[in-house]
Amino acid sequence: MPVFVRGVEVGGADFVELTKTLNISASGACIVSTHAMRPDQMVQLTFPAPSSVFSSTIPAETPPIPARVKRQEPSGELRLIGVEFLRPLE
């Protein structure tokens, strides 16, 4: 599932990245990223909504979901980032 991730790299630079989730649950997600992040760092996840030519009532994206980085593992040139949502999804 595509997701925008907004956060701060280990070096201190802000970033916004369009990436994808490998899995997602009510309490968290595993995302793929090119950016190194710190444990316990806060990030914002935004899921783009599918485009619809028939309805203008569907928002272009979901509200940002605040999450905390719990772990990361290298995977080649990428990182697998485990995040925990501050509030479980409904």
PDB file of N, CA and C in Angstrom:
ATOM      1  N   MET A   1       0.851  -1.167   0.000  1.00  0.00           N
ATOM      2  CA  MET A   1       0.000   0.000   0.000  1.00  0.00           C
ATOM      3  C   MET A   1       0.902   1.237   0.000  1.00  0.00           C
ATOM      4  N   PRO A   2       0.677   2.194  -0.899  1.00  0.00           N
ATOM      5  CA  PRO A   2       1.514   3.396  -0.919  1.00  0.00           C
ATOM      6  C   PRO A   2       1.268   4.268   0.310  1.00  0.00           C
ATOM      7  N   VAL A   3       2.325   4.951   0.738  1.00  0.00           N
ATOM      8  CA  VAL A   3       2.221   5.826   1.907  1.00  0.00           C
ATOM      9  C   VAL A   3       3.262   6.942   1.789  1.00  0.00           C
ATOM     10  N   PHE A   4       2.877   8.149   2.185  1.00  0.00           N
ATOM     11  CA  PHE A   4       3.828   9.247   2.330  1.00  0.00           C
ATOM     12  C   PHE A   4       4.337   9.217   3.763  1.00  0.00           C
ATOM     13  N   VAL A   5       5.656   9.308   3.928  1.00  0.00           N
ATOM     14  CA  VAL A   5       6.277   9.358   5.253  1.00  0.00           C
ATOM     15  C   VAL A   5       6.961  10.711   5.383  1.00  0.00           C
ATOM     16  N   ARG A   6       6.656  11.411   6.460  1.00  0.00           N
ATOM     17  CA  ARG A   6       7.293  12.698   6.748  1.00  0.00           C
ATOM     18  C   ARG A   6       8.041  12.546   8.066  1.00  0.00           C
ATOM     19  N   GLY A   7       9.325  12.928   8.059  1.00  0.00           N
ATOM     20  CA  GLY A   7      10.108  12.799   9.274  1.00  0.00           C
ATOM     21  C   GLY A   7      11.417  13.550   9.180  1.00  0.00           C
ATOM     22  N   VAL A   8      12.357  13.173  10.036  1.00  0.00           N
ATOM     23  CA  VAL A   8      13.682  13.779  10.086  1.00  0.00           C
ATOM     24  C   VAL A   8      14.701  12.650  10.028  1.00  0.00           C
ATOM     25  N   GLU A   9      15.671  12.764   9.107  1.00  0.00           N
ATOM     26  CA  GLU A   9      16.734  11.764   9.006  1.00  0.00           C
ATOM     27  C   GLU A   9      17.641  11.826  10.230  1.00  0.00           C
ATOM     28  N   VAL A  10      18.457  10.782  10.404  1.00  0.00           N
ATOM     29  CA  VAL A  10      19.422  10.743  11.504  1.00  0.00           C
ATOM     30  C   VAL A  10      20.324  11.974  11.464  1.00  0.00           C
ATOM     31  N   GLY A  11      20.686  12.442  10.263  1.00  0.00           N
ATOM     32  CA  GLY A  11      21.543  13.619  10.117  1.00  0.00           C
ATOM     33  C   GLY A  11      20.855  14.942  10.398  1.00  0.00           C
ATOM     34  N   GLY A  12      19.533  14.932  10.610  1.00  0.00           N
ATOM     35  CA  GLY A  12      18.805  16.140  10.966  1.00  0.00           C
ATOM     36  C   GLY A  12      18.013  16.784   9.846  1.00  0.00           C
ATOM     37  N   ALA A  13      18.114  16.263   8.622  1.00  0.00           N
ATOM     38  CA  ALA A  13      17.381  16.849   7.495  1.00  0.00           C
ATOM     39  C   ALA A  13      15.939  16.346   7.463  1.00  0.00           C
ATOM     40  N   ASP A  14      14.997  17.264   7.228  1.00  0.00           N
ATOM     41  CA  ASP A  14      13.594  16.880   7.047  1.00  0.00           C
ATOM     42  C   ASP A  14      13.444  16.141   5.725  1.00  0.00           C
ATOM     43  N   PHE A  15      12.489  15.225   5.665  1.00  0.00           N
ATOM     44  CA  PHE A  15      12.215  14.531   4.412  1.00  0.00           C
ATOM     45  C   PHE A  15      10.736  14.198   4.303  1.00  0.00           C
ATOM     46  N   VAL A  16      10.287  14.063   3.070  1.00  0.00           N
ATOM     47  CA  VAL A  16       8.979  13.508   2.735  1.00  0.00           C
ATOM     48  C   VAL A  16       9.253  12.487   1.649  1.00  0.00           C
ATOM     49  N   GLU A  17       8.768  11.273   1.854  1.00  0.00           N
ATOM     50  CA  GLU A  17       9.062  10.180   0.924  1.00  0.00           C
ATOM     51  C   GLU A  17       7.779   9.429   0.591  1.00  0.00           C
ATOM     52  N   LEU A  18       7.569   9.172  -0.693  1.00  0.00           N
ATOM     53  CA  LEU A  18       6.491   8.282  -1.112  1.00  0.00           C
ATOM     54  C   LEU A  18       7.080   6.887  -1.174  1.00  0.00           C
ATOM     55  N   THR A  19       6.562   5.987  -0.359  1.00  0.00           N
ATOM     56  CA  THR A  19       7.084   4.629  -0.277  1.00  0.00           C
ATOM     57  C   THR A  19       5.911   3.665  -0.167  1.00  0.00           C
ATOM     58  N   LYS A  20       6.143   2.499   0.436  1.00  0.00           N
ATOM     59  CA  LYS A  20       5.056   1.523   0.567  1.00  0.00           C
ATOM     60  C   LYS A  20       5.151   0.801   1.898  1.00  0.00           C
ATOM     61  N   THR A  21       4.020   0.253   2.316  1.00  0.00           N
ATOM     62  CA  THR A  21       3.990  -0.587   3.509  1.00  0.00           C
ATOM     63  C   THR A  21       4.165  -2.035   3.072  1.00  0.00           C
ATOM     64  N   LEU A  22       4.873  -2.809   3.878  1.00  0.00           N
ATOM     65  CA  LEU A  22       4.970  -4.253   3.647  1.00  0.00           C
ATOM     66  C   LEU A  22       3.884  -4.980   4.409  1.00  0.00           C
ATOM     67  N   ASN A  23       3.525  -4.425   5.558  1.00  0.00           N
ATOM     68  CA  ASN A  23       2.364  -4.928   6.301  1.00  0.00           C
ATOM     69  C   ASN A  23       1.843  -3.800   7.177  1.00  0.00           C
ATOM     70  N   ILE A  24       0.587  -3.938   7.553  1.00  0.00           N
ATOM     71  CA  ILE A  24      -0.051  -2.909   8.367  1.00  0.00           C
ATOM     72  C   ILE A  24      -1.087  -3.582   9.253  1.00  0.00           C
ATOM     73  N   SER A  25      -1.209  -3.089  10.482  1.00  0.00           N
ATOM     74  CA  SER A  25      -2.219  -3.599  11.411  1.00  0.00           C
ATOM     75  C   SER A  25      -2.854  -2.397  12.097  1.00  0.00           C
ATOM     76  N   ALA A  26      -3.739  -2.645  13.022  1.00  0.00           N
ATOM     77  CA  ALA A  26      -4.387  -1.554  13.748  1.00  0.00           C
ATOM     78  C   ALA A  26      -3.398  -0.781  14.615  1.00  0.00           C
ATOM     79  N   SER A  27      -2.287  -1.422  15.010  1.00  0.00           N
ATOM     80  CA  SER A  27      -1.366  -0.774  15.939  1.00  0.00           C
ATOM     81  C   SER A  27      -0.056  -0.302  15.316  1.00  0.00           C
ATOM     82  N   GLY A  28       0.221  -0.675  14.059  1.00  0.00           N
ATOM     83  CA  GLY A  28       1.476  -0.251  13.460  1.00  0.00           C
ATOM     84  C   GLY A  28       1.654  -0.752  12.048  1.00  0.00           C
ATOM     85  N   ALA A  29       2.864  -0.518  11.517  1.00  0.00           N
ATOM     86  CA  ALA A  29       3.144  -0.904  10.135  1.00  0.00           C
ATOM     87  C   ALA A  29       4.636  -1.141   9.961  1.00  0.00           C
ATOM     88  N   CYS A  30       4.969  -1.856   8.901  1.00  0.00           N
ATOM     89  CA  CYS A  30       6.349  -1.992   8.448  1.00  0.00           C
ATOM     90  C   CYS A  30       6.422  -1.289   7.102  1.00  0.00           C
ATOM     91  N   ILE A  31       7.292  -0.281   7.002  1.00  0.00           N
ATOM     92  CA  ILE A  31       7.435   0.470   5.766  1.00  0.00           C
ATOM     93  C   ILE A  31       8.845   0.310   5.219  1.00  0.00           C
ATOM     94  N   VAL A  32       8.992   0.536   3.933  1.00  0.00           N
ATOM     95  CA  VAL A  32      10.293   0.525   3.270  1.00  0.00           C
ATOM     96  C   VAL A  32      10.729   1.977   3.143  1.00  0.00           C
ATOM     97  N   SER A  33      12.002   2.274   3.458  1.00  0.00           N
ATOM     98  CA  SER A  33      12.474   3.654   3.359  1.00  0.00           C
ATOM     99  C   SER A  33      13.921   3.698   2.906  1.00  0.00           C
ATOM    100  N   THR A  34      14.281   4.800   2.265  1.00  0.00           N
ATOM    101  CA  THR A  34      15.676   5.054   1.915  1.00  0.00           C
ATOM    102  C   THR A  34      16.357   5.878   3.002  1.00  0.00           C
ATOM    103  N   HIS A  35      15.607   6.299   4.019  1.00  0.00           N
ATOM    104  CA  HIS A  35      16.116   7.192   5.060  1.00  0.00           C
ATOM    105  C   HIS A  35      16.379   6.443   6.362  1.00  0.00           C
ATOM    106  N   ALA A  36      17.507   6.760   7.003  1.00  0.00           N
ATOM    107  CA  ALA A  36      17.805   6.221   8.332  1.00  0.00           C
ATOM    108  C   ALA A  36      17.054   7.056   9.367  1.00  0.00           C
ATOM    109  N   MET A  37      16.451   6.372  10.337  1.00  0.00           N
ATOM    110  CA  MET A  37      15.690   7.054  11.389  1.00  0.00           C
ATOM    111  C   MET A  37      16.135   6.545  12.750  1.00  0.00           C
ATOM    112  N   ARG A  38      15.887   7.355  13.763  1.00  0.00           N
ATOM    113  CA  ARG A  38      16.249   6.979  15.133  1.00  0.00           C
ATOM    114  C   ARG A  38      15.118   6.210  15.804  1.00  0.00           C
ATOM    115  N   PRO A  39      15.452   5.267  16.691  1.00  0.00           N
ATOM    116  CA  PRO A  39      14.405   4.635  17.508  1.00  0.00           C
ATOM    117  C   PRO A  39      13.684   5.710  18.329  1.00  0.00           C
ATOM    118  N   ASP A  40      12.385   5.552  18.488  1.00  0.00           N
ATOM    119  CA  ASP A  40      11.513   6.473  19.221  1.00  0.00           C
ATOM    120  C   ASP A  40      11.278   7.803  18.510  1.00  0.00           C
ATOM    121  N   GLN A  41      11.821   7.961  17.313  1.00  0.00           N
ATOM    122  CA  GLN A  41      11.570   9.159  16.515  1.00  0.00           C
ATOM    123  C   GLN A  41      10.118   9.185  16.060  1.00  0.00           C
ATOM    124  N   MET A  42       9.530  10.371  15.991  1.00  0.00           N
ATOM    125  CA  MET A  42       8.166  10.529  15.513  1.00  0.00           C
ATOM    126  C   MET A  42       8.166  10.744  14.004  1.00  0.00           C
ATOM    127  N   VAL A  43       7.215  10.113  13.316  1.00  0.00           N
ATOM    128  CA  VAL A  43       6.990  10.314  11.887  1.00  0.00           C
ATOM    129  C   VAL A  43       5.489  10.490  11.663  1.00  0.00           C
ATOM    130  N   GLN A  44       5.136  11.027  10.514  1.00  0.00           N
ATOM    131  CA  GLN A  44       3.736  11.180  10.112  1.00  0.00           C
ATOM    132  C   GLN A  44       3.527  10.343   8.858  1.00  0.00           C
ATOM    133  N   LEU A  45       2.509   9.499   8.855  1.00  0.00           N
ATOM    134  CA  LEU A  45       2.164   8.690   7.691  1.00  0.00           C
ATOM    135  C   LEU A  45       0.869   9.224   7.093  1.00  0.00           C
ATOM    136  N   THR A  46       0.837   9.338   5.776  1.00  0.00           N
ATOM    137  CA  THR A  46      -0.365   9.776   5.070  1.00  0.00           C
ATOM    138  C   THR A  46      -0.607   8.815   3.918  1.00  0.00           C
ATOM    139  N   PHE A  47      -1.782   8.204   3.909  1.00  0.00           N
ATOM    140  CA  PHE A  47      -2.135   7.254   2.859  1.00  0.00           C
ATOM    141  C   PHE A  47      -2.927   7.979   1.777  1.00  0.00           C
ATOM    142  N   PRO A  48      -2.429   7.981   0.523  1.00  0.00           N
ATOM    143  CA  PRO A  48      -3.195   8.616  -0.551  1.00  0.00           C
ATOM    144  C   PRO A  48      -4.484   7.847  -0.801  1.00  0.00           C
ATOM    145  N   ALA A  49      -5.553   8.570  -1.066  1.00  0.00           N
ATOM    146  CA  ALA A  49      -6.833   7.929  -1.388  1.00  0.00           C
ATOM    147  C   ALA A  49      -6.864   7.629  -2.884  1.00  0.00           C
ATOM    148  N   PRO A  50      -7.567   6.576  -3.285  1.00  0.00           N
ATOM    149  CA  PRO A  50      -7.668   6.289  -4.722  1.00  0.00           C
ATOM    150  C   PRO A  50      -8.412   7.416  -5.426  1.00  0.00           C
ATOM    151  N   SER A  51      -7.971   7.715  -6.639  1.00  0.00           N
ATOM    152  CA  SER A  51      -8.657   8.769  -7.386  1.00  0.00           C
ATOM    153  C   SER A  51     -10.000   8.252  -7.877  1.00  0.00           C
ATOM    154  N   SER A  52     -10.951   9.142  -7.910  1.00  0.00           N
ATOM    155  CA  SER A  52     -12.280   8.765  -8.372  1.00  0.00           C
ATOM    156  C   SER A  52     -12.824   9.875  -9.257  1.00  0.00           C
ATOM    157  N   VAL A  53     -13.196   9.540 -10.461  1.00  0.00           N
ATOM    158  CA  VAL A  53     -13.757  10.543 -11.362  1.00  0.00           C
ATOM    159  C   VAL A  53     -15.238  10.746 -11.094  1.00  0.00           C
ATOM    160  N   PHE A  54     -15.836   9.890 -10.278  1.00  0.00           N
ATOM    161  CA  PHE A  54     -17.272   9.943 -10.048  1.00  0.00           C
ATOM    162  C   PHE A  54     -17.672  10.692  -8.791  1.00  0.00           C
ATOM    163  N   SER A  55     -16.749  10.905  -7.869  1.00  0.00           N
ATOM    164  CA  SER A  55     -17.141  11.514  -6.605  1.00  0.00           C
ATOM    165  C   SER A  55     -16.124  12.559  -6.172  1.00  0.00           C
ATOM    166  N   SER A  56     -16.602  13.742  -5.891  1.00  0.00           N
ATOM    167  CA  SER A  56     -15.719  14.787  -5.374  1.00  0.00           C
ATOM    168  C   SER A  56     -15.755  14.829  -3.849  1.00  0.00           C
ATOM    169  N   THR A  57     -16.490  13.900  -3.224  1.00  0.00           N
ATOM    170  CA  THR A  57     -16.585  13.881  -1.761  1.00  0.00           C
ATOM    171  C   THR A  57     -15.483  13.063  -1.119  1.00  0.00           C
ATOM    172  N   ILE A  58     -14.711  12.318  -1.903  1.00  0.00           N
ATOM    173  CA  ILE A  58     -13.618  11.516  -1.357  1.00  0.00           C
ATOM    174  C   ILE A  58     -12.392  12.407  -1.217  1.00  0.00           C
ATOM    175  N   PRO A  59     -11.801  12.504  -0.015  1.00  0.00           N
ATOM    176  CA  PRO A  59     -10.613  13.341   0.145  1.00  0.00           C
ATOM    177  C   PRO A  59      -9.438  12.763  -0.637  1.00  0.00           C
ATOM    178  N   ALA A  60      -8.481  13.622  -1.002  1.00  0.00           N
ATOM    179  CA  ALA A  60      -7.320  13.198  -1.781  1.00  0.00           C
ATOM    180  C   ALA A  60      -6.365  12.338  -0.965  1.00  0.00           C
ATOM    181  N   GLU A  61      -6.457  12.402   0.357  1.00  0.00           N
ATOM    182  CA  GLU A  61      -5.588  11.607   1.223  1.00  0.00           C
ATOM    183  C   GLU A  61      -6.223  11.501   2.598  1.00  0.00           C
ATOM    184  N   THR A  62      -5.697  10.581   3.396  1.00  0.00           N
ATOM    185  CA  THR A  62      -6.174  10.441   4.764  1.00  0.00           C
ATOM    186  C   THR A  62      -5.507  11.507   5.634  1.00  0.00           C
ATOM    187  N   PRO A  63      -6.077  11.829   6.792  1.00  0.00           N
ATOM    188  CA  PRO A  63      -5.372  12.722   7.716  1.00  0.00           C
ATOM    189  C   PRO A  63      -4.056  12.059   8.141  1.00  0.00           C
ATOM    190  N   PRO A  64      -3.021  12.850   8.444  1.00  0.00           N
ATOM    191  CA  PRO A  64      -1.750  12.257   8.879  1.00  0.00           C
ATOM    192  C   PRO A  64      -1.932  11.382  10.120  1.00  0.00           C
ATOM    193  N   ILE A  65      -1.222  10.274  10.143  1.00  0.00           N
ATOM    194  CA  ILE A  65      -1.255   9.340  11.269  1.00  0.00           C
ATOM    195  C   ILE A  65       0.087   9.445  11.989  1.00  0.00           C
ATOM    196  N   PRO A  66       0.104   9.947  13.226  1.00  0.00           N
ATOM    197  CA  PRO A  66       1.364  10.020  13.960  1.00  0.00           C
ATOM    198  C   PRO A  66       1.811   8.629  14.396  1.00  0.00           C
ATOM    199  N   ALA A  67       3.116   8.382  14.249  1.00  0.00           N
ATOM    200  CA  ALA A  67       3.671   7.071  14.598  1.00  0.00           C
ATOM    201  C   ALA A  67       5.066   7.254  15.182  1.00  0.00           C
ATOM    202  N   ARG A  68       5.508   6.244  15.914  1.00  0.00           N
ATOM    203  CA  ARG A  68       6.833   6.235  16.543  1.00  0.00           C
ATOM    204  C   ARG A  68       7.650   5.095  15.945  1.00  0.00           C
ATOM    205  N   VAL A  69       8.891   5.397  15.563  1.00  0.00           N
ATOM    206  CA  VAL A  69       9.796   4.368  15.035  1.00  0.00           C
ATOM    207  C   VAL A  69      10.183   3.438  16.176  1.00  0.00           C
ATOM    208  N   LYS A  70       9.950   2.147  15.988  1.00  0.00           N
ATOM    209  CA  LYS A  70      10.284   1.154  17.014  1.00  0.00           C
ATOM    210  C   LYS A  70      11.540   0.363  16.654  1.00  0.00           C
ATOM    211  N   ARG A  71      11.762   0.155  15.345  1.00  0.00           N
ATOM    212  CA  ARG A  71      12.964  -0.587  14.936  1.00  0.00           C
ATOM    213  C   ARG A  71      13.207  -0.348  13.460  1.00  0.00           C
ATOM    214  N   GLN A  72      14.441  -0.670  13.039  1.00  0.00           N
ATOM    215  CA  GLN A  72      14.760  -0.647  11.618  1.00  0.00           C
ATOM    216  C   GLN A  72      15.818  -1.688  11.327  1.00  0.00           C
ATOM    217  N   GLU A  73      15.716  -2.257  10.139  1.00  0.00           N
ATOM    218  CA  GLU A  73      16.658  -3.278   9.694  1.00  0.00           C
ATOM    219  C   GLU A  73      17.101  -2.936   8.282  1.00  0.00           C
ATOM    220  N   PRO A  74      18.408  -3.040   7.995  1.00  0.00           N
ATOM    221  CA  PRO A  74      18.854  -2.815   6.622  1.00  0.00           C
ATOM    222  C   PRO A  74      18.363  -3.935   5.712  1.00  0.00           C
ATOM    223  N   SER A  75      18.064  -3.571   4.476  1.00  0.00           N
ATOM    224  CA  SER A  75      17.664  -4.538   3.453  1.00  0.00           C
ATOM    225  C   SER A  75      18.240  -4.052   2.131  1.00  0.00           C
ATOM    226  N   GLY A  76      19.496  -4.408   1.877  1.00  0.00           N
ATOM    227  CA  GLY A  76      20.189  -3.878   0.704  1.00  0.00           C
ATOM    228  C   GLY A  76      20.403  -2.384   0.884  1.00  0.00           C
ATOM    229  N   GLU A  77      19.998  -1.596  -0.112  1.00  0.00           N
ATOM    230  CA  GLU A  77      20.139  -0.142  -0.033  1.00  0.00           C
ATOM    231  C   GLU A  77      18.976   0.510   0.709  1.00  0.00           C
ATOM    232  N   LEU A  78      17.991  -0.284   1.090  1.00  0.00           N
ATOM    233  CA  LEU A  78      16.801   0.236   1.765  1.00  0.00           C
ATOM    234  C   LEU A  78      16.813  -0.137   3.241  1.00  0.00           C
ATOM    235  N   ARG A  79      15.836   0.384   3.963  1.00  0.00           N
ATOM    236  CA  ARG A  79      15.644   0.033   5.374  1.00  0.00           C
ATOM    237  C   ARG A  79      14.197  -0.382   5.576  1.00  0.00           C
ATOM    238  N   LEU A  80      14.009  -1.396   6.393  1.00  0.00           N
ATOM    239  CA  LEU A  80      12.665  -1.799   6.807  1.00  0.00           C
ATOM    240  C   LEU A  80      12.430  -1.149   8.159  1.00  0.00           C
ATOM    241  N   ILE A  81      11.420  -0.297   8.233  1.00  0.00           N
ATOM    242  CA  ILE A  81      11.154   0.501   9.427  1.00  0.00           C
ATOM    243  C   ILE A  81       9.860   0.022  10.067  1.00  0.00           C
ATOM    244  N   GLY A  82       9.938  -0.400  11.315  1.00  0.00           N
ATOM    245  CA  GLY A  82       8.750  -0.776  12.073  1.00  0.00           C
ATOM    246  C   GLY A  82       8.267   0.420  12.869  1.00  0.00           C
ATOM    247  N   VAL A  83       7.014   0.814  12.661  1.00  0.00           N
ATOM    248  CA  VAL A  83       6.451   1.953  13.387  1.00  0.00           C
ATOM    249  C   VAL A  83       5.222   1.518  14.171  1.00  0.00           C
ATOM    250  N   GLU A  84       4.997   2.191  15.281  1.00  0.00           N
ATOM    251  CA  GLU A  84       3.818   1.965  16.116  1.00  0.00           C
ATOM    252  C   GLU A  84       2.969   3.230  16.076  1.00  0.00           C
ATOM    253  N   PHE A  85       1.689   3.083  15.754  1.00  0.00           N
ATOM    254  CA  PHE A  85       0.789   4.231  15.728  1.00  0.00           C
ATOM    255  C   PHE A  85       0.555   4.720  17.157  1.00  0.00           C
ATOM    256  N   LEU A  86       0.464   6.030  17.331  1.00  0.00           N
ATOM    257  CA  LEU A  86       0.199   6.571  18.663  1.00  0.00           C
ATOM    258  C   LEU A  86      -1.201   6.219  19.137  1.00  0.00           C
ATOM    259  N   ARG A  87      -2.135   6.095  18.188  1.00  0.00           N
ATOM    260  CA  ARG A  87      -3.491   5.619  18.490  1.00  0.00           C
ATOM    261  C   ARG A  87      -3.801   4.493  17.521  1.00  0.00           C
ATOM    262  N   PRO A  88      -4.334   3.378  17.997  1.00  0.00           N
ATOM    263  CA  PRO A  88      -4.691   2.290  17.074  1.00  0.00           C
ATOM    264  C   PRO A  88      -5.692   2.770  16.024  1.00  0.00           C
ATOM    265  N   LEU A  89      -5.562   2.242  14.817  1.00  0.00           N
ATOM    266  CA  LEU A  89      -6.506   2.572  13.746  1.00  0.00           C
ATOM    267  C   LEU A  89      -7.845   1.924  14.031  1.00  0.00           C
ATOM    268  N   GLU A  90      -8.895   2.583  13.625  1.00  0.00           N
ATOM    269  CA  GLU A  90     -10.243   2.030  13.824  1.00  0.00           C
ATOM    270  C   GLU A  90     -10.743   1.395  12.553  1.00  0.00           C
TER     271      GLU A  90
END
